[in-house]
Amino acid sequence: MYQDNDVKAILGCLGTSGILETDRWDEVLVKNILGNFRTTGKNGFRGRRIENPDLMRDGWISYLNRETVLLQPHYEAWTWASYLWLYDKTGWEPLLEKTKKGITMMMEAYPDGWRWTNGIQQERGRMLLPLAWLIRIDDRPEYRRWLRKIADDIEKSQDESGAIREELGALDRGDYVPSKSNAVYGTDEAPLIQLNGNPVADLLYTCNFTFLGLHEAYAATGDEQFRRMSDRLAGFLIRIQVSSDKHSSLDGGWFRAFDFKNWEYMGSNADSGWGAWSIEVGWTQAWICSVLAMRELGINLWDISENSKAGKIFSDLRSKMIPDSSLYLSGREHKGSQSK
């Protein structure tokens, strides 16, 4: 069970609920967020994933009390954003305390202490959203500096076309590194690039998620840097949108990656299972289209969901899913909650 998959459904659900002005999904929304939170350790990290047999054997409380640390935003960052959102609707302090601890540890370790998945650029892009929403709740100069630092490092790799160039981190910190031999070529996931400087934009892991992060960062801060970066990225994404009369199933979409030097779609044969014409609906299309729509309407995801009534059902669900007796943070027990 990957929380970074859950949170895409969570964010989509809270946005859809806000647009439709419905509480239809509030219960499942709160349960999903709390299900992830109660398997998040003391330091605010949940880890790469949880295997269902392990969860059944050990029980969720064992995860709540672990000292897990995973300095890898790909897995942790957007889940933190969902905790901050639910805190805003409920005022339940453990959601904020644990998230702030995790974000602080993450940012204090940046950049050398971070692990990266298919590239370091996607890790930076994922951190924009939780930092933006943390500022919504607790606007401190330190948090703004963190957000600006991440954006500055992304912007260094933003091409004049608006594309965000992929980048590898230290190879000993990567989960999926460039192929080291012919024998391993194409046998596993791999970065799109072999060397830093290759003119490739990743639409599955980087540009799509960074797009939302920049949009929410500008909405939270009014900082023109985020608007400028978002505008340039939007222009790039619009220009590379697939147009095809022959292949109607591909028309209007975005492929796996784009070579912005040759101005052509691309894929890496080293990256097992991902060809140049591969399309990923939930990760790529959904977020690019959603952000373009919000830009057109002059709205953002935080404000869309501002009037959520999820807090009204929170206390009962929380007391059943995370009893006071089970929750320990910062060496003390938290009791009670309040809801908007």
Protein backbone atom coordinates (compact mmCIF):
# COMPACT_ATOMS: atom_id res chain seq x y z
CA MET A 1 0.00 0.00 0.00
CA TYR A 2 1.63 3.17 -1.27
CA GLN A 3 0.43 6.37 0.40
CA ASP A 4 1.60 8.40 -2.60
CA ASN A 5 -1.08 6.56 -4.61
CA ASP A 6 -3.75 7.06 -1.95
CA VAL A 7 -3.14 10.78 -1.78
CA LYS A 8 -3.85 11.31 -5.47
CA ALA A 9 -7.34 9.95 -4.85
CA ILE A 10 -7.59 12.03 -1.67
CA LEU A 11 -6.70 15.31 -3.39
CA GLY A 12 -8.94 14.53 -6.33
CA CYS A 13 -11.80 13.72 -3.97
CA LEU A 14 -11.51 16.89 -1.91
CA GLY A 15 -11.30 18.99 -5.07
CA THR A 16 -14.28 17.28 -6.69
CA SER A 17 -16.31 17.58 -3.47
CA GLY A 18 -15.59 21.30 -3.38
CA ILE A 19 -16.49 21.89 -7.01
CA LEU A 20 -19.74 19.94 -6.69
CA GLU A 21 -20.46 21.31 -3.20
CA THR A 22 -21.21 17.85 -1.86
CA ASP A 23 -20.37 15.92 1.30
CA ARG A 24 -21.04 12.60 -0.45
CA TRP A 25 -17.46 11.35 -0.02
CA ASP A 26 -16.55 12.95 3.31
CA GLU A 27 -16.57 9.72 5.28
CA VAL A 28 -14.36 7.75 2.92
CA LEU A 29 -12.13 10.81 2.52
CA VAL A 30 -11.53 11.17 6.25
CA LYS A 31 -11.09 7.42 6.70
CA ASN A 32 -8.46 7.33 3.98
CA ILE A 33 -6.47 10.21 5.45
CA LEU A 34 -6.68 8.75 8.96
CA GLY A 35 -5.80 5.30 7.67
CA ASN A 36 -2.55 6.71 6.35
CA PHE A 37 -1.97 8.85 9.42
CA ARG A 38 -2.36 6.01 11.90
CA THR A 39 0.31 4.05 10.03
CA THR A 40 2.67 7.03 10.03
CA GLY A 41 5.50 6.82 12.56
CA LYS A 42 6.52 9.16 15.37
CA ASN A 43 8.72 11.29 13.13
CA GLY A 44 6.01 11.96 10.56
CA PHE A 45 7.23 9.42 8.00
CA ARG A 46 5.23 6.47 6.76
CA GLY A 47 7.94 4.86 4.65
CA ARG A 48 8.01 3.70 1.08
CA ARG A 49 4.99 1.40 1.36
CA ILE A 50 3.27 -1.03 3.72
CA GLU A 51 2.75 -4.65 2.74
CA ASN A 52 -0.74 -5.91 3.56
CA PRO A 53 0.44 -9.21 5.14
CA ASP A 54 2.77 -7.24 7.44
CA LEU A 55 -0.05 -4.90 8.45
CA MET A 56 -2.35 -7.83 9.19
CA ARG A 57 0.35 -9.53 11.26
CA ASP A 58 1.71 -6.53 13.19
CA GLY A 59 -1.34 -4.25 13.44
CA TRP A 60 -1.55 -0.56 12.67
CA ILE A 61 -0.41 0.59 16.11
CA SER A 62 3.00 -0.91 15.48
CA TYR A 63 3.47 1.51 12.59
CA LEU A 64 2.22 4.49 14.60
CA ASN A 65 4.94 3.96 17.19
CA ARG A 66 7.88 3.31 14.85
CA GLU A 67 10.86 5.64 14.41
CA THR A 68 10.52 5.56 10.63
CA VAL A 69 12.48 8.15 8.62
CA LEU A 70 12.39 8.27 4.81
CA LEU A 71 13.96 11.41 3.37
CA GLN A 72 12.26 10.93 0.01
CA PRO A 73 9.44 13.37 -0.91
CA HIS A 74 8.19 11.12 -3.73
CA TYR A 75 6.56 8.94 -1.08
CA GLU A 76 5.95 11.29 1.84
CA ALA A 77 5.30 14.85 0.65
CA TRP A 78 1.79 14.87 -0.75
CA THR A 79 0.53 12.73 2.13
CA TRP A 80 1.72 15.50 4.44
CA ALA A 81 -0.36 17.92 2.38
CA SER A 82 -3.48 15.83 3.11
CA TYR A 83 -2.73 15.88 6.85
CA LEU A 84 -2.38 19.67 6.76
CA TRP A 85 -5.66 19.96 4.89
CA LEU A 86 -7.49 17.81 7.45
CA TYR A 87 -5.91 19.76 10.31
CA ASP A 88 -7.30 22.95 8.82
CA LYS A 89 -10.77 21.43 8.85
CA THR A 90 -10.56 19.92 12.35
CA GLY A 91 -7.91 21.64 14.46
CA TRP A 92 -6.68 18.23 15.65
CA GLU A 93 -3.12 19.00 16.74
CA PRO A 94 -1.45 15.60 16.10
CA LEU A 95 -2.01 16.06 12.37
CA LEU A 96 -0.05 19.32 12.43
CA GLU A 97 2.63 18.33 14.93
CA LYS A 98 3.62 15.11 13.22
CA THR A 99 3.58 16.73 9.77
CA LYS A 100 5.69 19.69 10.87
CA LYS A 101 8.23 17.32 12.40
CA GLY A 102 8.51 15.32 9.19
CA ILE A 103 8.75 18.38 6.95
CA THR A 104 11.39 19.93 9.21
CA MET A 105 13.52 16.80 9.14
CA MET A 106 13.12 16.60 5.37
CA MET A 107 14.14 20.18 4.73
CA GLU A 108 17.04 20.12 7.19
CA ALA A 109 18.42 17.16 5.21
CA TYR A 110 18.10 18.91 1.84
CA PRO A 111 19.76 18.31 -0.55
CA ASP A 112 22.51 15.86 0.34
CA GLY A 113 20.46 13.73 2.71
CA TRP A 114 17.58 13.10 0.32
CA ARG A 115 17.00 9.85 -1.48
CA TRP A 116 15.59 10.07 -4.98
CA THR A 117 13.39 7.74 -6.98
CA ASN A 118 13.82 8.21 -10.76
CA GLY A 119 15.56 11.57 -10.40
CA ILE A 120 16.12 14.34 -7.86
CA GLN A 121 13.93 16.82 -9.77
CA GLN A 122 10.72 14.95 -9.00
CA GLU A 123 11.59 14.99 -5.30
CA ARG A 124 11.87 18.78 -5.36
CA GLY A 125 8.60 19.09 -7.26
CA ARG A 126 6.73 17.00 -4.70
CA MET A 127 7.83 19.21 -1.79
CA LEU A 128 6.19 22.34 -3.17
CA LEU A 129 2.63 21.36 -2.24
CA PRO A 130 3.09 20.54 1.48
CA LEU A 131 5.29 23.61 1.99
CA ALA A 132 2.67 25.82 0.33
CA TRP A 133 -0.11 24.38 2.50
CA LEU A 134 2.03 24.58 5.64
CA ILE A 135 2.32 28.32 4.98
CA ARG A 136 -1.47 28.46 4.69
CA ILE A 137 -1.70 27.19 8.26
CA ASP A 138 1.44 28.58 9.90
CA ASP A 139 3.08 31.33 7.88
CA ARG A 140 6.67 31.60 9.09
CA PRO A 141 9.73 33.12 7.37
CA GLU A 142 11.52 29.78 7.72
CA TYR A 143 8.83 27.94 5.78
CA ARG A 144 8.88 30.56 3.05
CA ARG A 145 12.65 30.20 2.78
CA TRP A 146 12.27 26.44 2.39
CA LEU A 147 9.68 26.89 -0.33
CA ARG A 148 11.82 29.46 -2.13
CA LYS A 149 14.92 27.24 -1.91
CA ILE A 150 13.14 24.34 -3.57
CA ALA A 151 11.67 26.61 -6.26
CA ASP A 152 15.04 28.27 -6.89
CA ASP A 153 16.67 24.90 -7.52
CA ILE A 154 13.88 23.83 -9.87
CA GLU A 155 14.02 27.11 -11.76
CA LYS A 156 17.74 26.61 -12.41
CA SER A 157 16.64 23.70 -14.60
CA GLN A 158 13.68 25.38 -16.27
CA ASP A 159 14.42 25.81 -19.95
CA GLU A 160 13.40 28.92 -21.90
CA SER A 161 10.67 26.75 -23.44
CA GLY A 162 9.19 26.29 -19.98
CA ALA A 163 10.25 22.65 -19.73
CA ILE A 164 11.80 21.47 -16.48
CA ARG A 165 14.95 19.53 -17.25
CA GLU A 166 15.39 16.23 -15.49
CA GLU A 167 18.28 15.84 -13.08
CA LEU A 168 20.01 12.95 -11.34
CA GLY A 169 21.13 13.17 -7.73
CA ALA A 170 24.11 11.39 -6.20
CA LEU A 171 23.98 7.86 -7.58
CA ASP A 172 24.41 6.23 -4.18
CA ARG A 173 21.18 7.96 -3.08
CA GLY A 174 19.03 6.81 -6.00
CA ASP A 175 16.52 3.96 -6.08
CA TYR A 176 16.47 3.72 -9.88
CA VAL A 177 19.78 4.82 -11.37
CA PRO A 178 20.97 4.81 -14.99
CA SER A 179 21.86 1.37 -16.33
CA LYS A 180 25.37 0.38 -15.34
CA SER A 181 25.79 -2.39 -17.89
CA ASN A 182 24.22 -3.90 -21.01
CA ALA A 183 23.08 -6.84 -18.93
CA VAL A 184 20.81 -4.73 -16.70
CA TYR A 185 19.61 -2.41 -19.47
CA GLY A 186 15.82 -2.46 -19.67
CA THR A 187 15.31 -4.87 -16.78
CA ASP A 188 13.97 -2.38 -14.22
CA GLU A 189 12.76 1.17 -13.81
CA ALA A 190 15.37 3.73 -14.74
CA PRO A 191 15.71 7.50 -15.12
CA LEU A 192 14.85 9.02 -18.48
CA ILE A 193 18.34 10.48 -18.71
CA GLN A 194 21.77 8.93 -18.58
CA LEU A 195 23.62 12.13 -17.67
CA ASN A 196 22.69 15.50 -16.21
CA GLY A 197 22.19 18.06 -18.93
CA ASN A 198 20.17 15.81 -21.24
CA PRO A 199 17.27 17.98 -22.56
CA VAL A 200 14.42 15.83 -21.29
CA ALA A 201 11.26 16.79 -19.39
CA ASP A 202 9.52 14.05 -17.37
CA LEU A 203 5.72 14.24 -17.59
CA LEU A 204 5.04 11.23 -15.37
CA TYR A 205 7.01 12.14 -12.27
CA THR A 206 8.09 15.78 -12.44
CA CYS A 207 6.32 18.36 -14.63
CA ASN A 208 2.82 17.18 -13.69
CA PHE A 209 3.29 17.29 -9.92
CA THR A 210 5.45 20.41 -10.01
CA PHE A 211 2.67 22.15 -11.95
CA LEU A 212 0.22 21.71 -9.06
CA GLY A 213 2.87 22.63 -6.50
CA LEU A 214 3.72 25.90 -8.24
CA HIS A 215 0.04 26.75 -8.66
CA GLU A 216 -0.67 26.24 -4.95
CA ALA A 217 2.57 27.98 -3.92
CA TYR A 218 1.58 31.14 -5.78
CA ALA A 219 -1.93 31.00 -4.35
CA ALA A 220 -0.54 30.66 -0.82
CA THR A 221 2.14 33.35 -1.04
CA GLY A 222 1.49 35.68 -3.96
CA ASP A 223 5.18 35.33 -4.81
CA GLU A 224 5.69 36.28 -8.46
CA GLN A 225 8.44 33.69 -8.86
CA PHE A 226 5.92 30.88 -8.55
CA ARG A 227 3.53 32.54 -10.98
CA ARG A 228 6.35 33.06 -13.49
CA MET A 229 7.49 29.45 -13.28
CA SER A 230 3.92 28.17 -13.48
CA ASP A 231 3.12 30.35 -16.51
CA ARG A 232 6.18 29.12 -18.37
CA LEU A 233 5.45 25.50 -17.53
CA ALA A 234 1.82 25.91 -18.60
CA GLY A 235 2.91 27.30 -21.96
CA PHE A 236 5.24 24.35 -22.47
CA LEU A 237 2.58 21.79 -21.59
CA ILE A 238 0.04 23.38 -23.93
CA ARG A 239 2.51 23.40 -26.83
CA ILE A 240 3.41 19.73 -26.42
CA GLN A 241 -0.13 18.39 -25.95
CA VAL A 242 -0.76 15.48 -28.31
CA SER A 243 -2.82 16.27 -31.41
CA SER A 244 -3.88 13.34 -33.57
CA ASP A 245 -6.76 12.72 -35.97
CA LYS A 246 -5.62 9.14 -36.53
CA HIS A 247 -5.25 8.05 -32.89
CA SER A 248 -8.29 9.41 -31.08
CA SER A 249 -7.32 7.63 -27.84
CA LEU A 250 -4.14 9.69 -27.70
CA ASP A 251 -5.50 13.01 -28.90
CA GLY A 252 -5.34 15.68 -26.21
CA GLY A 253 -3.00 13.73 -23.94
CA TRP A 254 0.60 13.95 -22.81
CA PHE A 255 3.14 11.19 -23.31
CA ARG A 256 5.78 9.85 -20.93
CA ALA A 257 8.42 12.49 -21.65
CA PHE A 258 9.55 15.17 -24.06
CA ASP A 259 12.90 16.05 -25.63
CA PHE A 260 12.78 19.85 -25.68
CA LYS A 261 15.93 20.19 -27.79
CA ASN A 262 14.68 18.03 -30.68
CA TRP A 263 11.07 19.02 -29.84
CA GLU A 264 9.85 15.46 -29.94
CA TYR A 265 8.21 12.94 -27.63
CA MET A 266 10.64 10.44 -26.17
CA GLY A 267 11.02 7.40 -24.00
CA SER A 268 13.99 5.54 -22.59
CA ASN A 269 14.50 1.92 -23.53
CA ALA A 270 16.37 1.54 -20.24
CA ASP A 271 13.14 2.28 -18.36
CA SER A 272 11.30 -1.02 -18.41
CA GLY A 273 7.72 -0.78 -19.65
CA TRP A 274 7.70 2.90 -20.63
CA GLY A 275 7.73 3.60 -24.33
CA ALA A 276 7.61 7.00 -26.00
CA TRP A 277 3.85 6.74 -26.61
CA SER A 278 2.96 5.57 -23.10
CA ILE A 279 0.21 7.57 -21.41
CA GLU A 280 -0.59 7.48 -17.70
CA VAL A 281 -4.07 8.80 -17.03
CA GLY A 282 -4.17 9.37 -13.26
CA TRP A 283 -0.67 10.67 -12.66
CA THR A 284 -0.12 12.78 -15.78
CA GLN A 285 -3.31 13.73 -17.61
CA ALA A 286 -5.41 14.34 -14.50
CA TRP A 287 -3.08 16.81 -12.83
CA ILE A 288 -2.10 18.74 -15.93
CA CYS A 289 -5.75 19.17 -16.95
CA SER A 290 -6.84 20.02 -13.41
CA VAL A 291 -4.24 22.74 -12.98
CA LEU A 292 -4.94 24.21 -16.43
CA ALA A 293 -8.62 24.32 -15.51
CA MET A 294 -7.95 25.99 -12.16
CA ARG A 295 -5.74 28.56 -13.87
CA GLU A 296 -8.50 29.32 -16.35
CA LEU A 297 -11.05 29.73 -13.55
CA GLY A 298 -8.73 31.69 -11.26
CA ILE A 299 -9.07 29.22 -8.39
CA ASN A 300 -6.85 26.82 -6.46
CA LEU A 301 -7.26 23.48 -4.72
CA TRP A 302 -6.99 24.85 -1.17
CA ASP A 303 -9.72 27.44 -1.68
CA ILE A 304 -11.94 25.07 -3.68
CA SER A 305 -12.17 22.83 -0.62
CA GLU A 306 -12.28 25.62 1.97
CA ASN A 307 -15.91 25.01 2.90
CA SER A 308 -15.59 21.25 3.33
CA LYS A 309 -17.74 19.87 6.15
CA ALA A 310 -15.43 16.90 6.73
CA GLY A 311 -14.70 18.25 10.20
CA LYS A 312 -18.27 17.51 11.31
CA ILE A 313 -17.78 13.76 11.11
CA PHE A 314 -14.13 13.77 12.13
CA SER A 315 -14.33 13.32 15.89
CA ASP A 316 -16.39 10.15 15.78
CA LEU A 317 -14.26 8.54 13.07
CA ARG A 318 -11.01 9.59 14.70
CA SER A 319 -11.97 8.20 18.12
CA LYS A 320 -12.78 4.85 16.51
CA MET A 321 -9.75 4.67 14.23
CA ILE A 322 -7.16 6.30 16.50
CA PRO A 323 -8.26 6.08 20.14
CA ASP A 324 -6.61 8.53 22.53
CA SER A 325 -4.93 5.67 24.35
CA SER A 326 -3.00 4.71 21.21
CA LEU A 327 -1.65 8.08 20.14
CA TYR A 328 1.69 9.30 21.43
CA LEU A 329 3.57 12.19 19.85
CA SER A 330 6.59 14.04 21.22
CA GLY A 331 6.55 11.79 24.26
CA ARG A 332 3.08 12.78 25.44
CA GLU A 333 -0.50 11.63 24.95
CA HIS A 334 -2.95 13.78 23.00
CA LYS A 335 -6.59 13.75 23.96
CA GLY A 336 -9.66 15.30 22.44
CA SER A 337 -10.18 17.24 19.26
CA GLN A 338 -12.08 20.15 17.88
CA SER A 339 -13.76 20.52 14.53
CA LYS A 340 -14.81 23.37 12.33
